[in-house]
Structures are given as C-alpha cells and as structure tokens.
Amino acid sequence: MASSYATSASYGGQISLSMPLDGSAVEICKELGRRQLDKSRLDYELVRIKECINIYKAGFQILPASPFYPICADIVPIAAAPVVDPEELSKPEGSPILLDPSPADTSETDVLVPTMEAPSLEPSSVSSE
C-alpha cells in the first residue's frame, strides 16, 4: 500500500479602513477629555489650598528663597477660624442665633458678630394713642 501525503501553504492578510460617518463622536470624546482635565486641575488646586492652610495653621511659613514658595504664595490667611463653645452647640434647635450689630472693635464697622442670646420676651413700652 502506498501512502499519500499532501502539503499546502496558504498565506493571507487583511487591511481594514474605518471612517466615522458622523464626526460628533470625536467631538464628544474631545469634550469629555477637556472636562476630565478641568476636573483634575480643580482637584489639584483645592488640595493645594487645603495643604497650604494646614501649613499656616500649624504655624509654619515657607521661606521666599525656597523653590516651593510659589506653591502657597497666593494663599493669604485673613483671620483665624472662630472658636465655638461646646455649650452653645448643645442649645435646643429652636434657639435663635442673633447678630450683634455693635462689634467690639469699632474700626471694623462692617463686621457683624454672631451671638447666641435669646430675644427678650418682655412687652415693649410702646404707647398707642
């Protein structure tokens, strides 16, 4: 018996060309990329500001000669955060918070100082004639 043995070789390739019929998908992708970059920039700036505030709160400053000085140079502390008495926080929710129109320092006339005093319930002495 004779054996039959056959060999064959086939080679092939494929070329594909894809063109969008509507360019709006590309514009949507670009807009999403711009939004992501804007969001990343905003996140960076907010974290930078928070960290600079923490440095200032801890009582530290960055030397102007330092290469890191420009990072916090635009953060300017104006005033310390107000300290809230824990007893004031335990007052009932119905207690009004009044603004005292007469600040302790008269040089700052535009500042209203919050107070936790309850309004007087005394009848006023207004005469109706």
C-alpha atoms as a PDB file:
ATOM      1  CA  MET A   1       0.000   0.000   0.000  1.00  0.00           C
ATOM      2  CA  ALA A   2       1.259   3.350  -0.907  1.00  0.00           C
ATOM      3  CA  SER A   3       0.696   6.288   1.389  1.00  0.00           C
ATOM      4  CA  SER A   4      -0.435   9.614   0.050  1.00  0.00           C
ATOM      5  CA  TYR A   5       0.914  12.716   1.671  1.00  0.00           C
ATOM      6  CA  ALA A   6      -0.065  16.246   0.618  1.00  0.00           C
ATOM      7  CA  THR A   7       1.199  19.604   1.823  1.00  0.00           C
ATOM      8  CA  SER A   8      -0.173  23.025   1.117  1.00  0.00           C
ATOM      9  CA  ALA A   9       0.617  26.538   2.267  1.00  0.00           C
ATOM     10  CA  SER A  10      -1.832  29.433   2.284  1.00  0.00           C
ATOM     11  CA  TYR A  11      -0.968  32.972   3.243  1.00  0.00           C
ATOM     12  CA  GLY A  12      -3.344  35.837   3.607  1.00  0.00           C
ATOM     13  CA  GLY A  13      -3.728  39.309   5.026  1.00  0.00           C
ATOM     14  CA  GLN A  14      -6.408  41.788   5.820  1.00  0.00           C
ATOM     15  CA  ILE A  15      -6.496  45.546   5.602  1.00  0.00           C
ATOM     16  CA  SER A  16      -9.279  47.490   7.224  1.00  0.00           C
ATOM     17  CA  LEU A  17     -10.166  51.150   6.885  1.00  0.00           C
ATOM     18  CA  SER A  18     -12.666  52.722   9.246  1.00  0.00           C
ATOM     19  CA  MET A  19     -14.060  56.209   8.784  1.00  0.00           C
ATOM     20  CA  PRO A  20     -16.766  57.666  11.011  1.00  0.00           C
ATOM     21  CA  LEU A  21     -19.689  58.989   9.029  1.00  0.00           C
ATOM     22  CA  ASP A  22     -20.548  61.399  11.825  1.00  0.00           C
ATOM     23  CA  GLY A  23     -17.742  63.463  13.433  1.00  0.00           C
ATOM     24  CA  SER A  24     -19.790  64.183  16.580  1.00  0.00           C
ATOM     25  CA  ALA A  25     -18.388  61.119  18.374  1.00  0.00           C
ATOM     26  CA  VAL A  26     -14.889  62.572  18.065  1.00  0.00           C
ATOM     27  CA  GLU A  27     -16.071  65.952  19.366  1.00  0.00           C
ATOM     28  CA  ILE A  28     -17.831  64.293  22.317  1.00  0.00           C
ATOM     29  CA  CYS A  29     -14.632  62.428  23.150  1.00  0.00           C
ATOM     30  CA  LYS A  30     -12.615  65.657  22.992  1.00  0.00           C
ATOM     31  CA  GLU A  31     -15.129  67.456  25.233  1.00  0.00           C
ATOM     32  CA  LEU A  32     -15.024  64.625  27.789  1.00  0.00           C
ATOM     33  CA  GLY A  33     -11.233  64.835  27.767  1.00  0.00           C
ATOM     34  CA  ARG A  34     -11.362  68.608  28.361  1.00  0.00           C
ATOM     35  CA  ARG A  35     -13.799  68.151  31.246  1.00  0.00           C
ATOM     36  CA  GLN A  36     -11.582  65.499  32.818  1.00  0.00           C
ATOM     37  CA  LEU A  37      -8.566  67.815  32.580  1.00  0.00           C
ATOM     38  CA  ASP A  38     -10.564  70.695  34.116  1.00  0.00           C
ATOM     39  CA  LYS A  39     -11.743  68.458  36.958  1.00  0.00           C
ATOM     40  CA  SER A  40      -8.208  67.225  37.609  1.00  0.00           C
ATOM     41  CA  ARG A  41      -6.938  70.806  37.690  1.00  0.00           C
ATOM     42  CA  LEU A  42      -9.674  71.862  40.128  1.00  0.00           C
ATOM     43  CA  ASP A  43      -8.930  68.882  42.386  1.00  0.00           C
ATOM     44  CA  TYR A  44      -5.225  69.774  42.373  1.00  0.00           C
ATOM     45  CA  GLU A  45      -5.908  73.425  43.247  1.00  0.00           C
ATOM     46  CA  LEU A  46      -8.299  72.559  46.097  1.00  0.00           C
ATOM     47  CA  VAL A  47      -5.834  70.085  47.629  1.00  0.00           C
ATOM     48  CA  ARG A  48      -3.024  72.639  47.255  1.00  0.00           C
ATOM     49  CA  ILE A  49      -5.070  75.310  49.031  1.00  0.00           C
ATOM     50  CA  LYS A  50      -6.048  72.908  51.853  1.00  0.00           C
ATOM     51  CA  GLU A  51      -2.453  71.845  52.421  1.00  0.00           C
ATOM     52  CA  CYS A  52      -1.213  75.445  52.453  1.00  0.00           C
ATOM     53  CA  ILE A  53      -3.892  76.299  55.010  1.00  0.00           C
ATOM     54  CA  ASN A  54      -2.768  73.350  57.153  1.00  0.00           C
ATOM     55  CA  ILE A  55       0.827  74.603  56.974  1.00  0.00           C
ATOM     56  CA  TYR A  56      -0.252  78.091  58.073  1.00  0.00           C
ATOM     57  CA  LYS A  57      -2.498  76.703  60.842  1.00  0.00           C
ATOM     58  CA  ALA A  58       0.406  74.689  62.199  1.00  0.00           C
ATOM     59  CA  GLY A  59       2.355  77.942  62.497  1.00  0.00           C
ATOM     60  CA  PHE A  60       4.816  77.362  59.676  1.00  0.00           C
ATOM     61  CA  GLN A  61       5.843  79.546  56.745  1.00  0.00           C
ATOM     62  CA  ILE A  62       7.722  78.765  53.551  1.00  0.00           C
ATOM     63  CA  LEU A  63      10.838  80.849  53.012  1.00  0.00           C
ATOM     64  CA  PRO A  64      10.625  83.141  49.972  1.00  0.00           C
ATOM     65  CA  ALA A  65      14.010  81.789  48.797  1.00  0.00           C
ATOM     66  CA  SER A  66      12.616  78.241  48.695  1.00  0.00           C
ATOM     67  CA  PRO A  67      11.652  76.753  45.311  1.00  0.00           C
ATOM     68  CA  PHE A  68       8.335  75.744  46.938  1.00  0.00           C
ATOM     69  CA  TYR A  69       7.398  79.291  47.983  1.00  0.00           C
ATOM     70  CA  PRO A  70       5.273  79.994  44.853  1.00  0.00           C
ATOM     71  CA  ILE A  71       3.054  76.998  45.670  1.00  0.00           C
ATOM     72  CA  CYS A  72       1.481  78.757  48.667  1.00  0.00           C
ATOM     73  CA  ALA A  73       2.286  82.367  47.745  1.00  0.00           C
ATOM     74  CA  ASP A  74      -1.293  83.139  46.683  1.00  0.00           C
ATOM     75  CA  ILE A  75      -2.849  81.776  49.895  1.00  0.00           C
ATOM     76  CA  VAL A  76      -3.232  84.682  52.309  1.00  0.00           C
ATOM     77  CA  PRO A  77      -4.525  83.992  55.838  1.00  0.00           C
ATOM     78  CA  ILE A  78      -7.041  86.679  56.811  1.00  0.00           C
ATOM     79  CA  ALA A  79      -8.255  85.605  60.251  1.00  0.00           C
ATOM     80  CA  ALA A  80      -8.327  82.574  62.485  1.00  0.00           C
ATOM     81  CA  ALA A  81     -11.424  80.417  62.441  1.00  0.00           C
ATOM     82  CA  PRO A  82     -13.907  81.280  65.197  1.00  0.00           C
ATOM     83  CA  VAL A  83     -13.859  79.061  68.260  1.00  0.00           C
ATOM     84  CA  VAL A  84     -17.275  77.665  69.124  1.00  0.00           C
ATOM     85  CA  ASP A  85     -18.128  76.957  72.741  1.00  0.00           C
ATOM     86  CA  PRO A  86     -19.434  73.357  73.110  1.00  0.00           C
ATOM     87  CA  GLU A  87     -22.205  74.597  75.428  1.00  0.00           C
ATOM     88  CA  GLU A  88     -23.596  76.731  72.607  1.00  0.00           C
ATOM     89  CA  LEU A  89     -23.839  73.671  70.395  1.00  0.00           C
ATOM     90  CA  SER A  90     -25.967  71.848  72.950  1.00  0.00           C
ATOM     91  CA  LYS A  91     -28.703  74.518  72.937  1.00  0.00           C
ATOM     92  CA  PRO A  92     -32.069  73.443  71.506  1.00  0.00           C
ATOM     93  CA  GLU A  93     -32.531  73.806  67.785  1.00  0.00           C
ATOM     94  CA  GLY A  94     -35.260  76.402  68.244  1.00  0.00           C
ATOM     95  CA  SER A  95     -32.857  78.860  69.885  1.00  0.00           C
ATOM     96  CA  PRO A  96     -32.322  81.794  67.553  1.00  0.00           C
ATOM     97  CA  ILE A  97     -28.866  82.966  66.576  1.00  0.00           C
ATOM     98  CA  LEU A  98     -28.750  86.728  66.674  1.00  0.00           C
ATOM     99  CA  LEU A  99     -26.228  89.037  65.083  1.00  0.00           C
ATOM    100  CA  ASP A 100     -24.804  91.719  67.342  1.00  0.00           C
ATOM    101  CA  PRO A 101     -24.632  94.909  65.222  1.00  0.00           C
ATOM    102  CA  SER A 102     -22.110  96.536  67.581  1.00  0.00           C
ATOM    103  CA  PRO A 103     -18.685  94.881  67.117  1.00  0.00           C
ATOM    104  CA  ALA A 104     -16.140  95.055  69.912  1.00  0.00           C
ATOM    105  CA  ASP A 105     -13.618  96.812  67.664  1.00  0.00           C
ATOM    106  CA  THR A 106     -15.142  99.985  66.202  1.00  0.00           C
ATOM    107  CA  SER A 107     -12.528 100.169  63.442  1.00  0.00           C
ATOM    108  CA  GLU A 108     -14.338  97.351  61.617  1.00  0.00           C
ATOM    109  CA  THR A 109     -17.841  98.760  61.234  1.00  0.00           C
ATOM    110  CA  ASP A 110     -18.925  96.321  58.515  1.00  0.00           C
ATOM    111  CA  VAL A 111     -18.467  93.210  60.664  1.00  0.00           C
ATOM    112  CA  LEU A 112     -21.468  91.535  62.310  1.00  0.00           C
ATOM    113  CA  VAL A 113     -20.625  89.388  65.298  1.00  0.00           C
ATOM    114  CA  PRO A 114     -22.892  86.330  65.826  1.00  0.00           C
ATOM    115  CA  THR A 115     -24.303  85.845  69.315  1.00  0.00           C
ATOM    116  CA  MET A 116     -26.430  83.104  70.864  1.00  0.00           C
ATOM    117  CA  GLU A 117     -28.588  85.342  73.081  1.00  0.00           C
ATOM    118  CA  ALA A 118     -32.316  84.710  73.128  1.00  0.00           C
ATOM    119  CA  PRO A 119     -34.554  87.672  72.301  1.00  0.00           C
ATOM    120  CA  SER A 120     -36.276  89.452  75.142  1.00  0.00           C
ATOM    121  CA  LEU A 121     -39.908  88.400  75.596  1.00  0.00           C
ATOM    122  CA  GLU A 122     -40.728  91.452  77.704  1.00  0.00           C
ATOM    123  CA  PRO A 123     -43.575  93.567  76.318  1.00  0.00           C
ATOM    124  CA  SER A 124     -42.295  96.809  74.890  1.00  0.00           C
ATOM    125  CA  SER A 125     -43.422 100.099  76.373  1.00  0.00           C
ATOM    126  CA  VAL A 126     -44.877 101.471  73.147  1.00  0.00           C
ATOM    127  CA  SER A 127     -47.952 103.569  73.784  1.00  0.00           C
ATOM    128  CA  SER A 128     -50.747 103.558  71.264  1.00  0.00           C
ATOM    129  CA  GLU A 129     -52.670 106.804  71.406  1.00  0.00           C
END
